[in-house]
Amino acid sequence: MSDRPTGRIPGRLKKRSEFLAVRRGEKRRGRLFLLEVLDRADGDAPRVGFTVTKKVGNAVVRNRVRRRLKEATRVHAADDMTTGSDYVIVGRREVLNASFDDLKRELSRRIRGSR
């Protein structure tokens, strides 16, 4: 949506059924995270959800990974999301060691669908 203010997180995925629906879509694997994308084929605003599994670490570590991903999405990658799509970002532990610029660049590149 072109009238969406820059620097804002798009709509959020909150229900488990929404997360599971996105799993049927395209998977874009990266070094820092897995991005799952589902085209809803409607004109509504994009929605995003964040997941970090217990394999990554304890609750403190998982929340740090999630916060970094949310902030990178808010300040940079939200503008690359297309209307009518749902995105689920599955974070990996490597997110903590990557520079924030690398994280933003990788997230934006994966959302746009380029390799």
PDB file of N, CA and C in Angstrom:
ATOM      1  N   MET A   1       0.843  -1.172   0.000  1.00  0.00           N
ATOM      2  CA  MET A   1       0.000   0.000   0.000  1.00  0.00           C
ATOM      3  C   MET A   1       0.888   1.234   0.000  1.00  0.00           C
ATOM      4  N   SER A   2       0.735   2.111  -0.924  1.00  0.00           N
ATOM      5  CA  SER A   2       1.635   3.239  -1.064  1.00  0.00           C
ATOM      6  C   SER A   2       1.404   4.316  -0.019  1.00  0.00           C
ATOM      7  N   ASP A   3       0.221   4.399   0.574  1.00  0.00           N
ATOM      8  CA  ASP A   3      -0.040   5.435   1.564  1.00  0.00           C
ATOM      9  C   ASP A   3       0.339   5.012   2.980  1.00  0.00           C
ATOM     10  N   ARG A   4       0.946   3.807   3.115  1.00  0.00           N
ATOM     11  CA  ARG A   4       1.386   3.340   4.428  1.00  0.00           C
ATOM     12  C   ARG A   4       2.622   4.123   4.842  1.00  0.00           C
ATOM     13  N   PRO A   5       2.651   4.647   6.076  1.00  0.00           N
ATOM     14  CA  PRO A   5       3.822   5.387   6.521  1.00  0.00           C
ATOM     15  C   PRO A   5       5.049   4.490   6.575  1.00  0.00           C
ATOM     16  N   THR A   6       6.199   5.051   6.258  1.00  0.00           N
ATOM     17  CA  THR A   6       7.454   4.313   6.298  1.00  0.00           C
ATOM     18  C   THR A   6       7.845   4.052   7.750  1.00  0.00           C
ATOM     19  N   GLY A   7       8.525   2.924   7.981  1.00  0.00           N
ATOM     20  CA  GLY A   7       9.022   2.634   9.311  1.00  0.00           C
ATOM     21  C   GLY A   7       7.986   2.037  10.241  1.00  0.00           C
ATOM     22  N   ARG A   8       6.991   1.348   9.717  1.00  0.00           N
ATOM     23  CA  ARG A   8       5.973   0.724  10.558  1.00  0.00           C
ATOM     24  C   ARG A   8       5.871  -0.744  10.221  1.00  0.00           C
ATOM     25  N   ILE A   9       5.609  -1.529  11.235  1.00  0.00           N
ATOM     26  CA  ILE A   9       5.393  -2.957  11.004  1.00  0.00           C
ATOM     27  C   ILE A   9       4.031  -3.107  10.342  1.00  0.00           C
ATOM     28  N   PRO A  10       3.941  -3.922   9.302  1.00  0.00           N
ATOM     29  CA  PRO A  10       2.639  -4.170   8.689  1.00  0.00           C
ATOM     30  C   PRO A  10       1.744  -4.946   9.644  1.00  0.00           C
ATOM     31  N   GLY A  11       0.565  -5.329   9.178  1.00  0.00           N
ATOM     32  CA  GLY A  11      -0.341  -6.103  10.013  1.00  0.00           C
ATOM     33  C   GLY A  11       0.345  -7.334  10.572  1.00  0.00           C
ATOM     34  N   ARG A  12      -0.161  -7.844  11.686  1.00  0.00           N
ATOM     35  CA  ARG A  12       0.488  -8.968  12.357  1.00  0.00           C
ATOM     36  C   ARG A  12      -0.316 -10.241  12.187  1.00  0.00           C
ATOM     37  N   LEU A  13       0.392 -11.349  12.063  1.00  0.00           N
ATOM     38  CA  LEU A  13      -0.221 -12.670  12.129  1.00  0.00           C
ATOM     39  C   LEU A  13      -0.235 -13.055  13.596  1.00  0.00           C
ATOM     40  N   LYS A  14      -1.381 -13.452  14.120  1.00  0.00           N
ATOM     41  CA  LYS A  14      -1.469 -13.742  15.546  1.00  0.00           C
ATOM     42  C   LYS A  14      -1.965 -15.149  15.852  1.00  0.00           C
ATOM     43  N   LYS A  15      -2.809 -15.676  14.991  1.00  0.00           N
ATOM     44  CA  LYS A  15      -3.394 -16.986  15.261  1.00  0.00           C
ATOM     45  C   LYS A  15      -2.542 -18.097  14.667  1.00  0.00           C
ATOM     46  N   ARG A  16      -2.535 -19.227  15.348  1.00  0.00           N
ATOM     47  CA  ARG A  16      -1.766 -20.379  14.870  1.00  0.00           C
ATOM     48  C   ARG A  16      -2.212 -20.796  13.480  1.00  0.00           C
ATOM     49  N   SER A  17      -3.504 -20.725  13.223  1.00  0.00           N
ATOM     50  CA  SER A  17      -4.014 -21.119  11.907  1.00  0.00           C
ATOM     51  C   SER A  17      -3.458 -20.225  10.796  1.00  0.00           C
ATOM     52  N   GLU A  18      -3.227 -18.948  11.086  1.00  0.00           N
ATOM     53  CA  GLU A  18      -2.643 -18.042  10.095  1.00  0.00           C
ATOM     54  C   GLU A  18      -1.192 -18.439   9.800  1.00  0.00           C
ATOM     55  N   PHE A  19      -0.437 -18.767  10.859  1.00  0.00           N
ATOM     56  CA  PHE A  19       0.945 -19.206  10.681  1.00  0.00           C
ATOM     57  C   PHE A  19       1.006 -20.494   9.861  1.00  0.00           C
ATOM     58  N   LEU A  20       0.101 -21.435  10.179  1.00  0.00           N
ATOM     59  CA  LEU A  20       0.088 -22.710   9.464  1.00  0.00           C
ATOM     60  C   LEU A  20      -0.290 -22.532   7.995  1.00  0.00           C
ATOM     61  N   ALA A  21      -1.173 -21.588   7.714  1.00  0.00           N
ATOM     62  CA  ALA A  21      -1.566 -21.329   6.328  1.00  0.00           C
ATOM     63  C   ALA A  21      -0.375 -20.839   5.508  1.00  0.00           C
ATOM     64  N   VAL A  22       0.473 -20.026   6.096  1.00  0.00           N
ATOM     65  CA  VAL A  22       1.623 -19.479   5.372  1.00  0.00           C
ATOM     66  C   VAL A  22       2.634 -20.578   5.040  1.00  0.00           C
ATOM     67  N   ARG A  23       2.665 -21.649   5.823  1.00  0.00           N
ATOM     68  CA  ARG A  23       3.604 -22.745   5.568  1.00  0.00           C
ATOM     69  C   ARG A  23       3.369 -23.394   4.206  1.00  0.00           C
ATOM     70  N   ARG A  24       2.156 -23.272   3.661  1.00  0.00           N
ATOM     71  CA  ARG A  24       1.859 -23.834   2.338  1.00  0.00           C
ATOM     72  C   ARG A  24       2.492 -23.030   1.215  1.00  0.00           C
ATOM     73  N   GLY A  25       2.918 -21.812   1.521  1.00  0.00           N
ATOM     74  CA  GLY A  25       3.462 -20.925   0.493  1.00  0.00           C
ATOM     75  C   GLY A  25       4.919 -21.197   0.181  1.00  0.00           C
ATOM     76  N   GLU A  26       5.528 -20.221  -0.429  1.00  0.00           N
ATOM     77  CA  GLU A  26       6.924 -20.308  -0.858  1.00  0.00           C
ATOM     78  C   GLU A  26       7.868 -20.164   0.324  1.00  0.00           C
ATOM     79  N   LYS A  27       8.968 -20.926   0.293  1.00  0.00           N
ATOM     80  CA  LYS A  27       9.980 -20.852   1.348  1.00  0.00           C
ATOM     81  C   LYS A  27      11.260 -20.290   0.756  1.00  0.00           C
ATOM     82  N   ARG A  28      11.780 -19.267   1.416  1.00  0.00           N
ATOM     83  CA  ARG A  28      13.032 -18.644   0.978  1.00  0.00           C
ATOM     84  C   ARG A  28      14.036 -18.789   2.113  1.00  0.00           C
ATOM     85  N   ARG A  29      14.995 -19.691   1.920  1.00  0.00           N
ATOM     86  CA  ARG A  29      15.961 -19.984   2.977  1.00  0.00           C
ATOM     87  C   ARG A  29      17.141 -19.037   2.900  1.00  0.00           C
ATOM     88  N   GLY A  30      17.580 -18.606   4.075  1.00  0.00           N
ATOM     89  CA  GLY A  30      18.743 -17.739   4.158  1.00  0.00           C
ATOM     90  C   GLY A  30      19.636 -18.162   5.313  1.00  0.00           C
ATOM     91  N   ARG A  31      20.780 -17.528   5.400  1.00  0.00           N
ATOM     92  CA  ARG A  31      21.737 -17.828   6.455  1.00  0.00           C
ATOM     93  C   ARG A  31      21.204 -17.419   7.826  1.00  0.00           C
ATOM     94  N   LEU A  32      20.455 -16.332   7.892  1.00  0.00           N
ATOM     95  CA  LEU A  32      20.002 -15.783   9.170  1.00  0.00           C
ATOM     96  C   LEU A  32      18.591 -16.210   9.559  1.00  0.00           C
ATOM     97  N   PHE A  33      17.779 -16.548   8.580  1.00  0.00           N
ATOM     98  CA  PHE A  33      16.378 -16.877   8.864  1.00  0.00           C
ATOM     99  C   PHE A  33      15.758 -17.599   7.681  1.00  0.00           C
ATOM    100  N   LEU A  34      14.607 -18.164   7.914  1.00  0.00           N
ATOM    101  CA  LEU A  34      13.775 -18.749   6.870  1.00  0.00           C
ATOM    102  C   LEU A  34      12.590 -17.811   6.695  1.00  0.00           C
ATOM    103  N   LEU A  35      12.287 -17.485   5.458  1.00  0.00           N
ATOM    104  CA  LEU A  35      11.145 -16.622   5.177  1.00  0.00           C
ATOM    105  C   LEU A  35      10.111 -17.441   4.424  1.00  0.00           C
ATOM    106  N   GLU A  36       8.907 -17.504   4.964  1.00  0.00           N
ATOM    107  CA  GLU A  36       7.794 -18.180   4.298  1.00  0.00           C
ATOM    108  C   GLU A  36       6.832 -17.106   3.807  1.00  0.00           C
ATOM    109  N   VAL A  37       6.408 -17.227   2.554  1.00  0.00           N
ATOM    110  CA  VAL A  37       5.565 -16.202   1.929  1.00  0.00           C
ATOM    111  C   VAL A  37       4.340 -16.869   1.323  1.00  0.00           C
ATOM    112  N   LEU A  38       3.174 -16.296   1.590  1.00  0.00           N
ATOM    113  CA  LEU A  38       1.932 -16.779   1.001  1.00  0.00           C
ATOM    114  C   LEU A  38       1.196 -15.604   0.378  1.00  0.00           C
ATOM    115  N   ASP A  39       0.859 -15.738  -0.899  1.00  0.00           N
ATOM    116  CA  ASP A  39       0.075 -14.714  -1.586  1.00  0.00           C
ATOM    117  C   ASP A  39      -1.398 -14.993  -1.313  1.00  0.00           C
ATOM    118  N   ARG A  40      -2.053 -14.092  -0.582  1.00  0.00           N
ATOM    119  CA  ARG A  40      -3.475 -14.258  -0.252  1.00  0.00           C
ATOM    120  C   ARG A  40      -4.381 -13.882  -1.416  1.00  0.00           C
ATOM    121  N   ALA A  41      -3.837 -13.209  -2.399  1.00  0.00           N
ATOM    122  CA  ALA A  41      -4.571 -12.786  -3.600  1.00  0.00           C
ATOM    123  C   ALA A  41      -5.713 -11.833  -3.263  1.00  0.00           C
ATOM    124  N   ASP A  42      -5.508 -10.983  -2.277  1.00  0.00           N
ATOM    125  CA  ASP A  42      -6.458  -9.905  -2.001  1.00  0.00           C
ATOM    126  C   ASP A  42      -5.666  -8.597  -1.975  1.00  0.00           C
ATOM    127  N   GLY A  43      -6.326  -7.506  -1.874  1.00  0.00           N
ATOM    128  CA  GLY A  43      -5.656  -6.209  -1.902  1.00  0.00           C
ATOM    129  C   GLY A  43      -5.346  -5.652  -0.531  1.00  0.00           C
ATOM    130  N   ASP A  44      -5.486  -6.474   0.499  1.00  0.00           N
ATOM    131  CA  ASP A  44      -5.251  -5.978   1.857  1.00  0.00           C
ATOM    132  C   ASP A  44      -3.770  -5.773   2.132  1.00  0.00           C
ATOM    133  N   ALA A  45      -3.504  -5.066   3.213  1.00  0.00           N
ATOM    134  CA  ALA A  45      -2.127  -4.779   3.612  1.00  0.00           C
ATOM    135  C   ALA A  45      -1.375  -6.072   3.919  1.00  0.00           C
ATOM    136  N   PRO A  46      -0.067  -6.070   3.736  1.00  0.00           N
ATOM    137  CA  PRO A  46       0.709  -7.266   4.067  1.00  0.00           C
ATOM    138  C   PRO A  46       0.685  -7.524   5.570  1.00  0.00           C
ATOM    139  N   ARG A  47       0.851  -8.798   5.933  1.00  0.00           N
ATOM    140  CA  ARG A  47       0.905  -9.170   7.349  1.00  0.00           C
ATOM    141  C   ARG A  47       2.172  -9.970   7.581  1.00  0.00           C
ATOM    142  N   VAL A  48       2.711  -9.859   8.789  1.00  0.00           N
ATOM    143  CA  VAL A  48       3.957 -10.550   9.111  1.00  0.00           C
ATOM    144  C   VAL A  48       3.857 -11.194  10.486  1.00  0.00           C
ATOM    145  N   GLY A  49       4.520 -12.331  10.636  1.00  0.00           N
ATOM    146  CA  GLY A  49       4.598 -13.021  11.916  1.00  0.00           C
ATOM    147  C   GLY A  49       6.038 -13.462  12.139  1.00  0.00           C
ATOM    148  N   PHE A  50       6.425 -13.574  13.400  1.00  0.00           N
ATOM    149  CA  PHE A  50       7.795 -13.932  13.753  1.00  0.00           C
ATOM    150  C   PHE A  50       7.774 -15.191  14.609  1.00  0.00           C
ATOM    151  N   THR A  51       8.682 -16.116  14.307  1.00  0.00           N
ATOM    152  CA  THR A  51       8.797 -17.357  15.053  1.00  0.00           C
ATOM    153  C   THR A  51      10.269 -17.621  15.331  1.00  0.00           C
ATOM    154  N   VAL A  52      10.554 -18.042  16.554  1.00  0.00           N
ATOM    155  CA  VAL A  52      11.895 -18.474  16.910  1.00  0.00           C
ATOM    156  C   VAL A  52      11.730 -19.740  17.741  1.00  0.00           C
ATOM    157  N   THR A  53      12.304 -20.835  17.272  1.00  0.00           N
ATOM    158  CA  THR A  53      12.097 -22.120  17.934  1.00  0.00           C
ATOM    159  C   THR A  53      12.985 -22.259  19.168  1.00  0.00           C
ATOM    160  N   LYS A  54      12.660 -23.239  19.988  1.00  0.00           N
ATOM    161  CA  LYS A  54      13.422 -23.481  21.213  1.00  0.00           C
ATOM    162  C   LYS A  54      14.832 -23.964  20.934  1.00  0.00           C
ATOM    163  N   LYS A  55      15.082 -24.470  19.735  1.00  0.00           N
ATOM    164  CA  LYS A  55      16.434 -24.893  19.373  1.00  0.00           C
ATOM    165  C   LYS A  55      17.407 -23.715  19.390  1.00  0.00           C
ATOM    166  N   VAL A  56      16.897 -22.508  19.195  1.00  0.00           N
ATOM    167  CA  VAL A  56      17.742 -21.317  19.151  1.00  0.00           C
ATOM    168  C   VAL A  56      18.330 -21.006  20.525  1.00  0.00           C
ATOM    169  N   GLY A  57      17.568 -21.237  21.578  1.00  0.00           N
ATOM    170  CA  GLY A  57      18.061 -20.949  22.918  1.00  0.00           C
ATOM    171  C   GLY A  57      16.924 -20.770  23.893  1.00  0.00           C
ATOM    172  N   ASN A  58      17.275 -20.256  25.073  1.00  0.00           N
ATOM    173  CA  ASN A  58      16.246 -20.031  26.089  1.00  0.00           C
ATOM    174  C   ASN A  58      15.397 -18.811  25.728  1.00  0.00           C
ATOM    175  N   ALA A  59      14.451 -18.471  26.578  1.00  0.00           N
ATOM    176  CA  ALA A  59      13.497 -17.406  26.280  1.00  0.00           C
ATOM    177  C   ALA A  59      14.183 -16.055  26.058  1.00  0.00           C
ATOM    178  N   VAL A  60      15.233 -15.776  26.814  1.00  0.00           N
ATOM    179  CA  VAL A  60      15.946 -14.511  26.662  1.00  0.00           C
ATOM    180  C   VAL A  60      16.569 -14.414  25.269  1.00  0.00           C
ATOM    181  N   VAL A  61      17.220 -15.458  24.839  1.00  0.00           N
ATOM    182  CA  VAL A  61      17.866 -15.482  23.523  1.00  0.00           C
ATOM    183  C   VAL A  61      16.818 -15.402  22.424  1.00  0.00           C
ATOM    184  N   ARG A  62      15.752 -16.176  22.540  1.00  0.00           N
ATOM    185  CA  ARG A  62      14.697 -16.159  21.511  1.00  0.00           C
ATOM    186  C   ARG A  62      14.070 -14.779  21.394  1.00  0.00           C
ATOM    187  N   ASN A  63      13.833 -14.123  22.508  1.00  0.00           N
ATOM    188  CA  ASN A  63      13.239 -12.784  22.464  1.00  0.00           C
ATOM    189  C   ASN A  63      14.196 -11.766  21.847  1.00  0.00           C
ATOM    190  N   ARG A  64      15.501 -11.906  22.092  1.00  0.00           N
ATOM    191  CA  ARG A  64      16.467 -11.004  21.472  1.00  0.00           C
ATOM    192  C   ARG A  64      16.463 -11.175  19.960  1.00  0.00           C
ATOM    193  N   VAL A  65      16.419 -12.419  19.493  1.00  0.00           N
ATOM    194  CA  VAL A  65      16.350 -12.688  18.053  1.00  0.00           C
ATOM    195  C   VAL A  65      15.078 -12.069  17.479  1.00  0.00           C
ATOM    196  N   ARG A  66      13.955 -12.297  18.139  1.00  0.00           N
ATOM    197  CA  ARG A  66      12.663 -11.775  17.660  1.00  0.00           C
ATOM    198  C   ARG A  66      12.660 -10.242  17.621  1.00  0.00           C
ATOM    199  N   ARG A  67      13.205  -9.605  18.639  1.00  0.00           N
ATOM    200  CA  ARG A  67      13.237  -8.139  18.668  1.00  0.00           C
ATOM    201  C   ARG A  67      14.092  -7.564  17.542  1.00  0.00           C
ATOM    202  N   ARG A  68      15.227  -8.205  17.269  1.00  0.00           N
ATOM    203  CA  ARG A  68      16.078  -7.717  16.178  1.00  0.00           C
ATOM    204  C   ARG A  68      15.360  -7.854  14.834  1.00  0.00           C
ATOM    205  N   LEU A  69      14.675  -8.978  14.634  1.00  0.00           N
ATOM    206  CA  LEU A  69      13.944  -9.176  13.381  1.00  0.00           C
ATOM    207  C   LEU A  69      12.804  -8.172  13.233  1.00  0.00           C
ATOM    208  N   LYS A  70      12.079  -7.940  14.317  1.00  0.00           N
ATOM    209  CA  LYS A  70      10.973  -6.969  14.276  1.00  0.00           C
ATOM    210  C   LYS A  70      11.476  -5.573  13.937  1.00  0.00           C
ATOM    211  N   GLU A  71      12.573  -5.173  14.558  1.00  0.00           N
ATOM    212  CA  GLU A  71      13.095  -3.833  14.317  1.00  0.00           C
ATOM    213  C   GLU A  71      13.611  -3.693  12.887  1.00  0.00           C
ATOM    214  N   ALA A  72      14.302  -4.695  12.379  1.00  0.00           N
ATOM    215  CA  ALA A  72      14.778  -4.647  10.997  1.00  0.00           C
ATOM    216  C   ALA A  72      13.603  -4.573  10.021  1.00  0.00           C
ATOM    217  N   THR A  73      12.533  -5.271  10.337  1.00  0.00           N
ATOM    218  CA  THR A  73      11.341  -5.212   9.500  1.00  0.00           C
ATOM    219  C   THR A  73      10.706  -3.833   9.579  1.00  0.00           C
ATOM    220  N   ARG A  74      10.617  -3.300  10.773  1.00  0.00           N
ATOM    221  CA  ARG A  74       9.968  -1.998  10.963  1.00  0.00           C
ATOM    222  C   ARG A  74      10.707  -0.875  10.248  1.00  0.00           C
ATOM    223  N   VAL A  75      12.020  -0.804  10.415  1.00  0.00           N
ATOM    224  CA  VAL A  75      12.763   0.340   9.890  1.00  0.00           C
ATOM    225  C   VAL A  75      13.155   0.206   8.427  1.00  0.00           C
ATOM    226  N   HIS A  76      13.140  -1.008   7.902  1.00  0.00           N
ATOM    227  CA  HIS A  76      13.683  -1.150   6.561  1.00  0.00           C
ATOM    228  C   HIS A  76      12.838  -2.008   5.624  1.00  0.00           C
ATOM    229  N   ALA A  77      12.527  -3.228   6.028  1.00  0.00           N
ATOM    230  CA  ALA A  77      11.993  -4.207   5.087  1.00  0.00           C
ATOM    231  C   ALA A  77      10.484  -4.114   4.869  1.00  0.00           C
ATOM    232  N   ALA A  78       9.760  -3.428   5.730  1.00  0.00           N
ATOM    233  CA  ALA A  78       8.305  -3.355   5.576  1.00  0.00           C
ATOM    234  C   ALA A  78       7.911  -2.718   4.244  1.00  0.00           C
ATOM    235  N   ASP A  79       8.751  -1.820   3.746  1.00  0.00           N
ATOM    236  CA  ASP A  79       8.449  -1.152   2.480  1.00  0.00           C
ATOM    237  C   ASP A  79       8.568  -2.094   1.286  1.00  0.00           C
ATOM    238  N   ASP A  80       9.295  -3.198   1.445  1.00  0.00           N
ATOM    239  CA  ASP A  80       9.473  -4.159   0.358  1.00  0.00           C
ATOM    240  C   ASP A  80       8.342  -5.179   0.274  1.00  0.00           C
ATOM    241  N   MET A  81       7.492  -5.241   1.287  1.00  0.00           N
ATOM    242  CA  MET A  81       6.413  -6.239   1.312  1.00  0.00           C
ATOM    243  C   MET A  81       5.313  -5.850   0.343  1.00  0.00           C
ATOM    244  N   THR A  82       4.776  -6.860  -0.338  1.00  0.00           N
ATOM    245  CA  THR A  82       3.727  -6.599  -1.320  1.00  0.00           C
ATOM    246  C   THR A  82       2.353  -6.754  -0.681  1.00  0.00           C
ATOM    247  N   THR A  83       1.406  -5.993  -1.175  1.00  0.00           N
ATOM    248  CA  THR A  83       0.046  -6.075  -0.643  1.00  0.00           C
ATOM    249  C   THR A  83      -0.538  -7.442  -0.953  1.00  0.00           C
ATOM    250  N   GLY A  84      -1.380  -7.918  -0.074  1.00  0.00           N
ATOM    251  CA  GLY A  84      -2.030  -9.201  -0.274  1.00  0.00           C
ATOM    252  C   GLY A  84      -1.155 -10.399   0.033  1.00  0.00           C
ATOM    253  N   SER A  85      -0.071 -10.194   0.772  1.00  0.00           N
ATOM    254  CA  SER A  85       0.833 -11.302   1.099  1.00  0.00           C
ATOM    255  C   SER A  85       1.007 -11.424   2.609  1.00  0.00           C
ATOM    256  N   ASP A  86       1.237 -12.663   3.042  1.00  0.00           N
ATOM    257  CA  ASP A  86       1.576 -12.943   4.437  1.00  0.00           C
ATOM    258  C   ASP A  86       3.015 -13.432   4.483  1.00  0.00           C
ATOM    259  N   TYR A  87       3.736 -13.013   5.502  1.00  0.00           N
ATOM    260  CA  TYR A  87       5.135 -13.390   5.678  1.00  0.00           C
ATOM    261  C   TYR A  87       5.328 -13.950   7.073  1.00  0.00           C
ATOM    262  N   VAL A  88       6.044 -15.067   7.177  1.00  0.00           N
ATOM    263  CA  VAL A  88       6.466 -15.598   8.471  1.00  0.00           C
ATOM    264  C   VAL A  88       7.984 -15.671   8.435  1.00  0.00           C
ATOM    265  N   ILE A  89       8.618 -15.047   9.426  1.00  0.00           N
ATOM    266  CA  ILE A  89      10.073 -15.033   9.513  1.00  0.00           C
ATOM    267  C   ILE A  89      10.459 -15.939  10.669  1.00  0.00           C
ATOM    268  N   VAL A  90      11.184 -17.014  10.357  1.00  0.00           N
ATOM    269  CA  VAL A  90      11.636 -17.973  11.362  1.00  0.00           C
ATOM    270  C   VAL A  90      13.102 -17.664  11.634  1.00  0.00           C
ATOM    271  N   GLY A  91      13.366 -17.077  12.800  1.00  0.00           N
ATOM    272  CA  GLY A  91      14.709 -16.612  13.128  1.00  0.00           C
ATOM    273  C   GLY A  91      15.654 -17.735  13.517  1.00  0.00           C
ATOM    274  N   ARG A  92      16.923 -17.510  13.238  1.00  0.00           N
ATOM    275  CA  ARG A  92      17.985 -18.426  13.640  1.00  0.00           C
ATOM    276  C   ARG A  92      18.924 -17.693  14.588  1.00  0.00           C
ATOM    277  N   ARG A  93      19.729 -18.441  15.305  1.00  0.00           N
ATOM    278  CA  ARG A  93      20.639 -17.864  16.287  1.00  0.00           C
ATOM    279  C   ARG A  93      21.642 -16.895  15.646  1.00  0.00           C
ATOM    280  N   GLU A  94      21.987 -17.108  14.389  1.00  0.00           N
ATOM    281  CA  GLU A  94      22.953 -16.261  13.695  1.00  0.00           C
ATOM    282  C   GLU A  94      22.513 -14.801  13.617  1.00  0.00           C
ATOM    283  N   VAL A  95      21.218 -14.544  13.822  1.00  0.00           N
ATOM    284  CA  VAL A  95      20.707 -13.174  13.812  1.00  0.00           C
ATOM    285  C   VAL A  95      21.421 -12.328  14.882  1.00  0.00           C
ATOM    286  N   LEU A  96      21.761 -12.947  15.996  1.00  0.00           N
ATOM    287  CA  LEU A  96      22.400 -12.209  17.095  1.00  0.00           C
ATOM    288  C   LEU A  96      23.813 -11.765  16.742  1.00  0.00           C
ATOM    289  N   ASN A  97      24.529 -12.533  15.915  1.00  0.00           N
ATOM    290  CA  ASN A  97      25.916 -12.219  15.590  1.00  0.00           C
ATOM    291  C   ASN A  97      26.062 -11.340  14.351  1.00  0.00           C
ATOM    292  N   ALA A  98      25.025 -11.233  13.574  1.00  0.00           N
ATOM    293  CA  ALA A  98      25.085 -10.438  12.344  1.00  0.00           C
ATOM    294  C   ALA A  98      24.954  -8.951  12.684  1.00  0.00           C
ATOM    295  N   SER A  99      25.623  -8.119  11.893  1.00  0.00           N
ATOM    296  CA  SER A  99      25.451  -6.677  12.086  1.00  0.00           C
ATOM    297  C   SER A  99      24.027  -6.304  11.673  1.00  0.00           C
ATOM    298  N   PHE A 100      23.546  -5.208  12.221  1.00  0.00           N
ATOM    299  CA  PHE A 100      22.172  -4.807  11.926  1.00  0.00           C
ATOM    300  C   PHE A 100      22.016  -4.454  10.450  1.00  0.00           C
ATOM    301  N   ASP A 101      23.050  -3.875   9.849  1.00  0.00           N
ATOM    302  CA  ASP A 101      22.990  -3.555   8.415  1.00  0.00           C
ATOM    303  C   ASP A 101      22.882  -4.820   7.577  1.00  0.00           C
ATOM    304  N   ASP A 102      23.652  -5.857   7.947  1.00  0.00           N
ATOM    305  CA  ASP A 102      23.558  -7.131   7.231  1.00  0.00           C
ATOM    306  C   ASP A 102      22.172  -7.737   7.375  1.00  0.00           C
ATOM    307  N   LEU A 103      21.618  -7.648   8.575  1.00  0.00           N
ATOM    308  CA  LEU A 103      20.287  -8.187   8.828  1.00  0.00           C
ATOM    309  C   LEU A 103      19.241  -7.469   7.985  1.00  0.00           C
ATOM    310  N   LYS A 104      19.288  -6.148   7.951  1.00  0.00           N
ATOM    311  CA  LYS A 104      18.338  -5.378   7.156  1.00  0.00           C
ATOM    312  C   LYS A 104      18.461  -5.707   5.674  1.00  0.00           C
ATOM    313  N   ARG A 105      19.685  -5.781   5.196  1.00  0.00           N
ATOM    314  CA  ARG A 105      19.922  -6.059   3.774  1.00  0.00           C
ATOM    315  C   ARG A 105      19.405  -7.451   3.393  1.00  0.00           C
ATOM    316  N   GLU A 106      19.734  -8.445   4.219  1.00  0.00           N
ATOM    317  CA  GLU A 106      19.300  -9.825   3.945  1.00  0.00           C
ATOM    318  C   GLU A 106      17.768  -9.936   3.983  1.00  0.00           C
ATOM    319  N   LEU A 107      17.163  -9.299   4.957  1.00  0.00           N
ATOM    320  CA  LEU A 107      15.703  -9.344   5.089  1.00  0.00           C
ATOM    321  C   LEU A 107      15.033  -8.695   3.882  1.00  0.00           C
ATOM    322  N   SER A 108      15.518  -7.547   3.504  1.00  0.00           N
ATOM    323  CA  SER A 108      14.952  -6.853   2.354  1.00  0.00           C
ATOM    324  C   SER A 108      15.124  -7.669   1.073  1.00  0.00           C
ATOM    325  N   ARG A 109      16.286  -8.275   0.914  1.00  0.00           N
ATOM    326  CA  ARG A 109      16.575  -9.076  -0.286  1.00  0.00           C
ATOM    327  C   ARG A 109      15.666 -10.293  -0.358  1.00  0.00           C
ATOM    328  N   ARG A 110      15.472 -10.983   0.757  1.00  0.00           N
ATOM    329  CA  ARG A 110      14.615 -12.178   0.780  1.00  0.00           C
ATOM    330  C   ARG A 110      13.143 -11.809   0.550  1.00  0.00           C
ATOM    331  N   ILE A 111      12.709 -10.704   1.115  1.00  0.00           N
ATOM    332  CA  ILE A 111      11.310 -10.281   0.929  1.00  0.00           C
ATOM    333  C   ILE A 111      11.049  -9.939  -0.533  1.00  0.00           C
ATOM    334  N   ARG A 112      11.999  -9.271  -1.169  1.00  0.00           N
ATOM    335  CA  ARG A 112      11.838  -8.949  -2.592  1.00  0.00           C
ATOM    336  C   ARG A 112      11.919 -10.192  -3.461  1.00  0.00           C
ATOM    337  N   GLY A 113      12.512 -11.267  -2.932  1.00  0.00           N
ATOM    338  CA  GLY A 113      12.572 -12.528  -3.674  1.00  0.00           C
ATOM    339  C   GLY A 113      13.814 -12.698  -4.500  1.00  0.00           C
ATOM    340  N   SER A 114      14.772 -11.802  -4.338  1.00  0.00           N
ATOM    341  CA  SER A 114      16.015 -11.947  -5.098  1.00  0.00           C
ATOM    342  C   SER A 114      17.014 -12.785  -4.320  1.00  0.00           C
ATOM    343  N   ARG A 115      17.914 -13.428  -4.999  1.00  0.00           N
ATOM    344  CA  ARG A 115      18.892 -14.318  -4.359  1.00  0.00           C
ATOM    345  C   ARG A 115      20.082 -13.580  -3.954  1.00  0.00           C
TER     346      ARG A 115
END
